[in-house]
């Protein structure tokens, strides 16, 4: 029978233990070996894949427990140590310093980065400060060889404790959602649309019927604040929304065509799976217009069927993209909905907006590709 080895730490004297979700995932049996060599069978109380946190329970009393620290007080450069079972070597202690805080790795939460030696078997073990307080859960490493290469990541204990409390109470974690797909805001896009700095979350698509759609959020908006909290990076948004109790009425601040506005949304609950639908292929192409030829664009009006399928009130469809438009990343089938911060729903509006745009600067174009909205910067030459 395949066996895996991981680490963990005791939260309560009556046997609640914290570890990584990936340590217990798919396990038929979980056996906990204590420092006094006792081996006890554990029950999985709950696991959360998004944060890689799990809580298990053994039947015991009078167990020694860890002291929980404050991961918000962690400082870059301070000494820390990890305890775990690398390669099955029980009770191994390694030490190092905090290399960075709030390190983005594409996951649901920002990690504490250290140079503490972490290897297979360390997962789920505690990261401690020099006061002996747990400030994180050792979770993963960056490696090209599979072995430790000086970069390891720990889940901040404050987030892990919030997750563990929900797991102990209900066996699962409830998170909020508003129904948007988002992307980063680049420096060039921010400059071209008049956003003071490259911050916020670019709304690439809005799920029909979801809280964001009902609240008036549109594809192409830049969400700059959620309930008054500034969105510096796009990854800040899912964390803030996810930490909001479903049913809460929240305020979303968006930057749209040169101005900010506050929209009211009622946060919903993240379902087990969120199905996504692709827009069907456009119908047979209508006769293209010559608008935009100076920047390599040929466009055409949308048919009523295309508007209905794409859930758009208007826009122009790219029938050919060459030269500057092609260099900007536009291609046949894209639907342009704004030019130089001006909404366009018809060919006439597209021509007027393009003629009015300053050709000496990059022209920002908001377009839809399937259900995703994004910006392109056309540099006319």
Protein backbone atom coordinates (compact mmCIF):
# COMPACT_ATOMS: atom_id res chain seq x y z
CA UNK A 1 0.00 0.00 0.00
CA UNK A 2 1.44 3.44 -0.90
CA UNK A 3 2.48 5.50 2.11
CA UNK A 4 3.08 9.21 2.47
CA UNK A 5 4.84 11.16 5.20
CA UNK A 6 3.99 14.63 6.39
CA UNK A 7 4.16 16.80 9.47
CA UNK A 8 1.69 18.67 11.65
CA UNK A 9 1.29 20.39 15.01
CA UNK A 10 -1.15 20.07 17.91
CA UNK A 11 -3.64 22.91 18.34
CA UNK A 12 -5.58 21.68 21.38
CA UNK A 13 -4.90 19.38 24.31
CA UNK A 14 -7.79 17.11 23.25
CA UNK A 15 -6.21 16.24 19.92
CA UNK A 16 -6.99 18.71 17.13
CA UNK A 17 -3.98 18.85 14.78
CA UNK A 18 -3.22 21.16 11.85
CA UNK A 19 -1.43 20.03 8.69
CA UNK A 20 -1.52 20.56 4.92
CA UNK A 21 -4.51 19.48 2.86
CA UNK A 22 -2.18 17.79 0.36
CA UNK A 23 -0.69 15.67 3.16
CA UNK A 24 -4.03 13.95 3.87
CA UNK A 25 -5.58 14.14 0.40
CA UNK A 26 -6.69 10.71 -0.83
CA UNK A 27 -5.60 8.99 2.38
CA UNK A 28 -7.52 5.88 3.48
CA UNK A 29 -5.93 6.01 6.93
CA UNK A 30 -4.08 8.79 8.74
CA UNK A 31 -1.73 7.69 11.52
CA UNK A 32 -0.23 10.31 13.84
CA UNK A 33 3.09 9.54 15.53
CA UNK A 34 3.66 11.66 18.64
CA UNK A 35 7.07 12.59 20.04
CA UNK A 36 6.65 9.94 22.75
CA UNK A 37 6.39 7.33 19.92
CA UNK A 38 2.67 6.71 20.42
CA UNK A 39 0.83 6.02 17.17
CA UNK A 40 -2.84 7.06 17.01
CA UNK A 41 -5.35 6.84 14.19
CA UNK A 42 -6.68 10.26 13.18
CA UNK A 43 -9.98 11.38 11.70
CA UNK A 44 -9.95 14.06 8.97
CA UNK A 45 -12.19 16.88 10.24
CA UNK A 46 -11.88 18.94 7.09
CA UNK A 47 -9.49 20.08 4.37
CA UNK A 48 -9.38 23.23 2.25
CA UNK A 49 -7.51 22.88 -1.04
CA UNK A 50 -7.49 26.61 -1.78
CA UNK A 51 -5.30 27.38 1.23
CA UNK A 52 -3.83 23.85 1.59
CA UNK A 53 -4.93 23.67 5.24
CA UNK A 54 -6.39 20.59 6.92
CA UNK A 55 -7.50 19.77 10.45
CA UNK A 56 -7.39 16.20 11.81
CA UNK A 57 -8.34 14.81 15.23
CA UNK A 58 -6.88 12.10 17.43
CA UNK A 59 -8.51 10.71 20.57
CA UNK A 60 -6.20 11.84 23.37
CA UNK A 61 -6.10 14.19 26.36
CA UNK A 62 -3.50 16.35 28.05
CA UNK A 63 -1.45 16.83 24.89
CA UNK A 64 1.18 19.60 24.70
CA UNK A 65 0.06 22.39 22.37
CA UNK A 66 1.84 24.99 20.27
CA UNK A 67 1.70 28.71 20.95
CA UNK A 68 0.18 30.64 18.05
CA UNK A 69 1.99 33.80 16.99
CA UNK A 70 0.98 36.76 14.82
CA UNK A 71 2.07 36.41 11.20
CA UNK A 72 1.31 40.11 10.60
CA UNK A 73 4.20 41.00 12.92
CA UNK A 74 6.72 38.90 10.99
CA UNK A 75 9.61 41.00 9.69
CA UNK A 76 11.83 40.29 6.72
CA UNK A 77 15.26 39.24 7.96
CA UNK A 78 14.14 37.79 11.27
CA UNK A 79 15.27 34.30 12.22
CA UNK A 80 12.79 31.43 12.00
CA UNK A 81 12.92 27.67 12.26
CA UNK A 82 10.94 24.73 10.93
CA UNK A 83 10.15 21.43 12.60
CA UNK A 84 9.10 18.38 10.61
CA UNK A 85 9.97 14.97 9.24
CA UNK A 86 11.95 15.51 6.02
CA UNK A 87 12.34 12.16 4.22
CA UNK A 88 10.72 10.55 7.28
CA UNK A 89 13.44 11.78 9.69
CA UNK A 90 11.29 12.63 12.73
CA UNK A 91 11.61 15.84 14.73
CA UNK A 92 14.11 17.57 12.45
CA UNK A 93 14.72 21.27 13.11
CA UNK A 94 16.07 23.58 10.39
CA UNK A 95 16.63 27.34 10.61
CA UNK A 96 16.92 30.39 8.39
CA UNK A 97 15.49 33.85 7.90
CA UNK A 98 12.32 35.34 6.45
CA UNK A 99 13.22 36.24 2.87
CA UNK A 100 9.97 38.00 1.89
CA UNK A 101 6.40 38.53 3.02
CA UNK A 102 3.17 38.37 1.02
CA UNK A 103 4.91 36.48 -1.76
CA UNK A 104 2.55 35.85 -4.66
CA UNK A 105 2.72 32.36 -6.15
CA UNK A 106 -0.62 32.31 -7.95
CA UNK A 107 -2.42 30.64 -5.06
CA UNK A 108 -5.31 31.92 -2.98
CA UNK A 109 -3.12 33.55 -0.34
CA UNK A 110 0.27 35.30 -0.11
CA UNK A 111 3.02 33.19 1.44
CA UNK A 112 5.86 33.84 3.85
CA UNK A 113 9.06 33.10 1.91
CA UNK A 114 12.07 31.81 3.85
CA UNK A 115 15.42 30.16 3.17
CA UNK A 116 14.74 27.47 5.81
CA UNK A 117 15.58 23.99 4.46
CA UNK A 118 12.27 22.29 3.62
CA UNK A 119 12.10 18.86 1.97
CA UNK A 120 9.45 16.18 1.30
CA UNK A 121 7.97 15.24 4.68
CA UNK A 122 8.22 18.77 6.09
CA UNK A 123 4.82 19.70 4.62
CA UNK A 124 2.30 20.64 7.30
CA UNK A 125 4.91 21.29 9.99
CA UNK A 126 5.18 24.58 11.91
CA UNK A 127 7.33 27.58 11.06
CA UNK A 128 8.29 29.22 14.35
CA UNK A 129 9.80 32.52 15.37
CA UNK A 130 12.56 32.81 17.97
CA UNK A 131 9.92 33.08 20.73
CA UNK A 132 8.71 29.59 19.85
CA UNK A 133 5.44 30.85 18.38
CA UNK A 134 3.96 29.31 15.23
CA UNK A 135 3.79 31.93 12.49
CA UNK A 136 3.18 29.67 9.49
CA UNK A 137 2.66 26.19 8.07
CA UNK A 138 5.48 24.91 5.86
CA UNK A 139 3.75 24.15 2.59
CA UNK A 140 5.90 24.14 -0.52
CA UNK A 141 9.30 24.85 -2.07
CA UNK A 142 10.57 26.33 -5.30
CA UNK A 143 12.80 23.75 -6.95
CA UNK A 144 14.00 22.74 -10.38
CA UNK A 145 15.52 19.52 -9.09
CA UNK A 146 12.85 18.37 -6.64
CA UNK A 147 15.15 19.07 -3.69
CA UNK A 148 15.58 22.17 -1.55
CA UNK A 149 17.16 25.11 -3.41
CA UNK A 150 16.99 27.89 -0.82
CA UNK A 151 13.39 29.04 -1.35
CA UNK A 152 10.50 27.72 0.72
CA UNK A 153 7.00 28.98 1.38
CA UNK A 154 4.79 28.91 4.46
CA UNK A 155 1.08 29.63 4.86
CA UNK A 156 0.63 32.61 7.25
CA UNK A 157 -0.80 31.30 10.52
CA UNK A 158 -3.49 34.00 10.79
CA UNK A 159 -5.12 32.79 7.56
CA UNK A 160 -4.60 29.15 8.55
CA UNK A 161 -6.32 29.70 11.89
CA UNK A 162 -9.33 31.35 10.24
CA UNK A 163 -9.62 28.35 7.95
CA UNK A 164 -9.16 25.85 10.80
CA UNK A 165 -11.93 27.46 12.85
CA UNK A 166 -14.39 26.96 10.00
CA UNK A 167 -13.16 23.41 9.38
CA UNK A 168 -13.63 22.52 13.06
CA UNK A 169 -17.09 24.10 13.14
CA UNK A 170 -18.57 22.78 9.89
CA UNK A 171 -15.94 20.66 8.14
CA UNK A 172 -15.70 23.09 5.22
CA UNK A 173 -14.80 26.70 4.43
CA UNK A 174 -17.46 29.14 3.21
CA UNK A 175 -16.20 31.89 0.92
CA UNK A 176 -17.81 34.77 -0.90
CA UNK A 177 -17.87 35.42 -4.64
CA UNK A 178 -19.19 38.13 -6.93
CA UNK A 179 -18.84 36.34 -10.28
CA UNK A 180 -16.03 38.04 -12.21
CA UNK A 181 -12.91 36.82 -13.98
CA UNK A 182 -10.04 39.22 -13.53
CA UNK A 183 -6.56 40.07 -14.79
CA UNK A 184 -3.66 42.38 -13.95
CA UNK A 185 -3.63 46.09 -14.83
CA UNK A 186 -0.40 46.89 -16.65
CA UNK A 187 1.42 50.22 -16.45
CA UNK A 188 0.72 50.98 -20.11
CA UNK A 189 -3.00 50.28 -19.82
CA UNK A 190 -3.26 52.40 -16.66
CA UNK A 191 -1.57 55.34 -18.39
CA UNK A 192 -3.70 55.04 -21.52
CA UNK A 193 -7.06 55.02 -19.68
CA UNK A 194 -6.15 57.72 -17.17
CA UNK A 195 -5.78 55.48 -14.11
CA UNK A 196 -3.36 57.18 -11.66
CA UNK A 197 -1.26 54.03 -11.16
CA UNK A 198 -1.21 50.39 -12.35
CA UNK A 199 -3.34 48.98 -9.54
CA UNK A 200 -6.68 47.23 -9.23
CA UNK A 201 -8.21 44.24 -10.96
CA UNK A 202 -9.22 44.32 -14.63
CA UNK A 203 -12.62 42.68 -15.06
CA UNK A 204 -12.22 40.38 -18.05
CA UNK A 205 -15.69 38.87 -17.87
CA UNK A 206 -18.82 39.05 -15.73
CA UNK A 207 -20.90 35.97 -15.09
CA UNK A 208 -24.52 36.48 -16.14
CA UNK A 209 -26.87 36.71 -13.16
CA UNK A 210 -24.00 36.85 -10.63
CA UNK A 211 -23.77 39.57 -7.94
CA UNK A 212 -21.34 41.68 -9.99
CA UNK A 213 -23.62 41.66 -13.04
CA UNK A 214 -26.68 42.50 -10.94
CA UNK A 215 -24.73 45.34 -9.32
CA UNK A 216 -23.74 46.88 -12.67
CA UNK A 217 -20.11 45.74 -12.98
CA UNK A 218 -19.08 45.50 -16.64
CA UNK A 219 -16.29 43.72 -18.49
CA UNK A 220 -13.47 46.22 -18.93
CA UNK A 221 -14.02 47.90 -15.55
CA UNK A 222 -11.06 48.25 -13.22
CA UNK A 223 -12.06 47.32 -9.66
CA UNK A 224 -10.01 49.64 -7.44
CA UNK A 225 -11.64 49.06 -4.04
CA UNK A 226 -13.79 46.49 -2.30
CA UNK A 227 -15.69 47.73 0.76
CA UNK A 228 -13.28 50.66 0.93
CA UNK A 229 -10.17 48.47 0.91
CA UNK A 230 -7.75 49.32 -1.89
CA UNK A 231 -6.99 46.64 -4.49
CA UNK A 232 -3.26 47.01 -5.14
CA UNK A 233 -2.89 43.74 -7.08
CA UNK A 234 -5.58 41.78 -8.86
CA UNK A 235 -5.01 38.87 -6.44
CA UNK A 236 -6.17 41.09 -3.55
CA UNK A 237 -9.74 40.99 -4.84
CA UNK A 238 -10.50 37.25 -4.52
CA UNK A 239 -9.02 37.26 -1.02
CA UNK A 240 -11.15 40.19 0.13
CA UNK A 241 -14.29 38.84 -1.50
CA UNK A 242 -13.55 35.30 -0.35
CA UNK A 243 -13.23 36.49 3.25
CA UNK A 244 -16.63 38.21 3.11
CA UNK A 245 -19.63 36.35 4.49
CA UNK A 246 -22.11 35.39 1.76
CA UNK A 247 -25.20 37.61 1.91
CA UNK A 248 -23.18 40.70 2.88
CA UNK A 249 -24.01 43.90 0.98
CA UNK A 250 -20.69 45.31 -0.18
CA UNK A 251 -19.47 48.30 -2.18
CA UNK A 252 -17.34 47.77 -5.27
CA UNK A 253 -15.49 50.83 -6.59
CA UNK A 254 -14.80 50.66 -10.32
CA UNK A 255 -12.87 52.88 -12.71
CA UNK A 256 -14.76 53.09 -16.01
CA UNK A 257 -13.94 55.36 -18.94
CA UNK A 258 -12.07 57.95 -16.95
CA UNK A 259 -14.22 58.10 -13.82
CA UNK A 260 -14.74 56.16 -10.59
CA UNK A 261 -18.11 54.99 -9.37
CA UNK A 262 -19.39 52.94 -6.45
CA UNK A 263 -21.60 49.93 -7.14
CA UNK A 264 -23.57 47.89 -4.59
CA UNK A 265 -23.26 44.10 -4.75
CA UNK A 266 -24.56 41.33 -2.50
CA UNK A 267 -21.84 38.71 -2.05
CA UNK A 268 -22.82 35.13 -2.93
CA UNK A 269 -21.27 31.86 -1.81
CA UNK A 270 -18.60 30.05 -3.85
CA UNK A 271 -20.19 26.83 -5.11
CA UNK A 272 -18.30 23.56 -5.36
CA UNK A 273 -17.77 24.19 -9.06
CA UNK A 274 -18.50 27.22 -11.16
CA UNK A 275 -19.35 26.23 -14.74
CA UNK A 276 -18.18 28.59 -17.44
CA UNK A 277 -19.77 29.01 -20.84
CA UNK A 278 -18.02 30.00 -24.01
CA UNK A 279 -19.77 32.26 -26.44
CA UNK A 280 -20.60 30.41 -29.63
CA UNK A 281 -18.86 31.28 -32.85
CA UNK A 282 -20.13 34.41 -34.59
CA UNK A 283 -22.66 34.00 -37.35
CA UNK A 284 -21.68 34.53 -40.98
CA UNK A 285 -19.69 37.76 -41.26
CA UNK A 286 -21.50 40.87 -42.44
CA UNK A 287 -19.91 43.13 -45.00
CA UNK A 288 -16.88 44.85 -43.40
CA UNK A 289 -16.38 48.59 -43.18
CA UNK A 290 -13.20 50.46 -44.00
CA UNK A 291 -13.12 52.13 -40.59
CA UNK A 292 -9.79 51.95 -38.85
CA UNK A 293 -7.71 51.19 -41.96
CA UNK A 294 -5.12 53.72 -40.82
CA UNK A 295 -4.28 51.45 -37.88
CA UNK A 296 -4.78 48.17 -39.73
CA UNK A 297 -8.36 47.49 -38.63
CA UNK A 298 -11.34 46.39 -40.70
CA UNK A 299 -14.52 46.11 -38.64
CA UNK A 300 -18.19 45.34 -39.11
CA UNK A 301 -21.47 45.89 -37.28
CA UNK A 302 -22.67 43.14 -34.96
CA UNK A 303 -25.81 41.32 -36.00
CA UNK A 304 -28.71 41.10 -33.55
CA UNK A 305 -27.94 37.40 -33.10
CA UNK A 306 -24.31 38.15 -32.24
CA UNK A 307 -25.34 40.84 -29.73
CA UNK A 308 -27.69 38.38 -28.06
CA UNK A 309 -25.12 35.60 -28.01
CA UNK A 310 -22.38 37.83 -26.58
CA UNK A 311 -24.79 39.67 -24.24
CA UNK A 312 -23.70 43.03 -25.64
CA UNK A 313 -25.82 46.04 -26.53
CA UNK A 314 -23.40 46.90 -29.30
CA UNK A 315 -19.84 47.02 -30.52
CA UNK A 316 -17.97 46.33 -33.75
CA UNK A 317 -16.45 43.02 -34.76
CA UNK A 318 -12.93 42.84 -36.17
CA UNK A 319 -13.00 41.23 -39.61
CA UNK A 320 -9.28 41.79 -40.26
CA UNK A 321 -6.34 43.03 -38.19
CA UNK A 322 -3.00 43.96 -39.75
CA UNK A 323 -0.08 46.32 -39.06
CA UNK A 324 -0.54 48.32 -35.82
CA UNK A 325 -3.72 46.50 -34.80
CA UNK A 326 -2.10 43.10 -35.27
CA UNK A 327 0.99 44.21 -33.35
CA UNK A 328 -1.33 45.23 -30.49
CA UNK A 329 -2.70 41.70 -30.37
CA UNK A 330 -6.10 42.23 -32.01
CA UNK A 331 -7.36 39.53 -34.34
CA UNK A 332 -10.34 38.55 -36.45
CA UNK A 333 -13.43 37.82 -34.36
CA UNK A 334 -12.59 40.21 -31.52
CA UNK A 335 -15.41 42.62 -30.60
CA UNK A 336 -14.37 46.20 -29.86
CA UNK A 337 -16.60 47.90 -27.27
CA UNK A 338 -14.58 51.06 -26.46
CA UNK A 339 -11.91 53.19 -28.11
CA UNK A 340 -9.84 55.76 -26.21
CA UNK A 341 -12.16 55.58 -23.18
CA UNK A 342 -15.23 56.12 -25.40
CA UNK A 343 -17.91 53.45 -25.61
CA UNK A 344 -18.69 52.33 -29.15
CA UNK A 345 -21.85 50.44 -30.09
CA UNK A 346 -22.02 51.18 -33.82
CA UNK A 347 -19.67 51.67 -36.77
CA UNK A 348 -20.34 55.40 -36.73
CA UNK A 349 -19.36 55.66 -33.06
CA UNK A 350 -16.26 53.56 -33.71
CA UNK A 351 -15.16 55.85 -36.56
CA UNK A 352 -15.84 58.99 -34.52
CA UNK A 353 -13.90 57.71 -31.49
CA UNK A 354 -10.95 56.59 -33.60
CA UNK A 355 -10.82 59.88 -35.53
CA UNK A 356 -10.92 61.82 -32.27
CA UNK A 357 -8.14 59.77 -30.63
CA UNK A 358 -4.65 61.27 -30.34
CA UNK A 359 -2.58 59.21 -32.81
CA UNK A 360 0.69 60.42 -31.28
CA UNK A 361 -0.02 58.30 -28.19
CA UNK A 362 -1.01 54.64 -27.80
CA UNK A 363 -4.76 54.27 -28.38
CA UNK A 364 -6.43 52.06 -25.79
CA UNK A 365 -9.02 49.67 -27.17
CA UNK A 366 -11.30 47.62 -24.92
CA UNK A 367 -12.40 44.44 -26.65
CA UNK A 368 -14.10 41.13 -26.01
CA UNK A 369 -12.63 37.80 -27.07
CA UNK A 370 -15.28 35.19 -26.37
CA UNK A 371 -16.46 36.06 -22.86
CA UNK A 372 -13.18 37.71 -21.82
CA UNK A 373 -12.61 41.47 -21.92
CA UNK A 374 -9.13 42.93 -22.24
CA UNK A 375 -7.28 46.03 -23.38
CA UNK A 376 -5.05 46.46 -26.40
CA UNK A 377 -2.79 49.47 -27.01
CA UNK A 378 -2.55 50.43 -30.69
CA UNK A 379 0.49 52.46 -31.62
CA UNK A 380 -0.24 54.22 -34.90
CA UNK A 381 2.89 54.78 -36.99
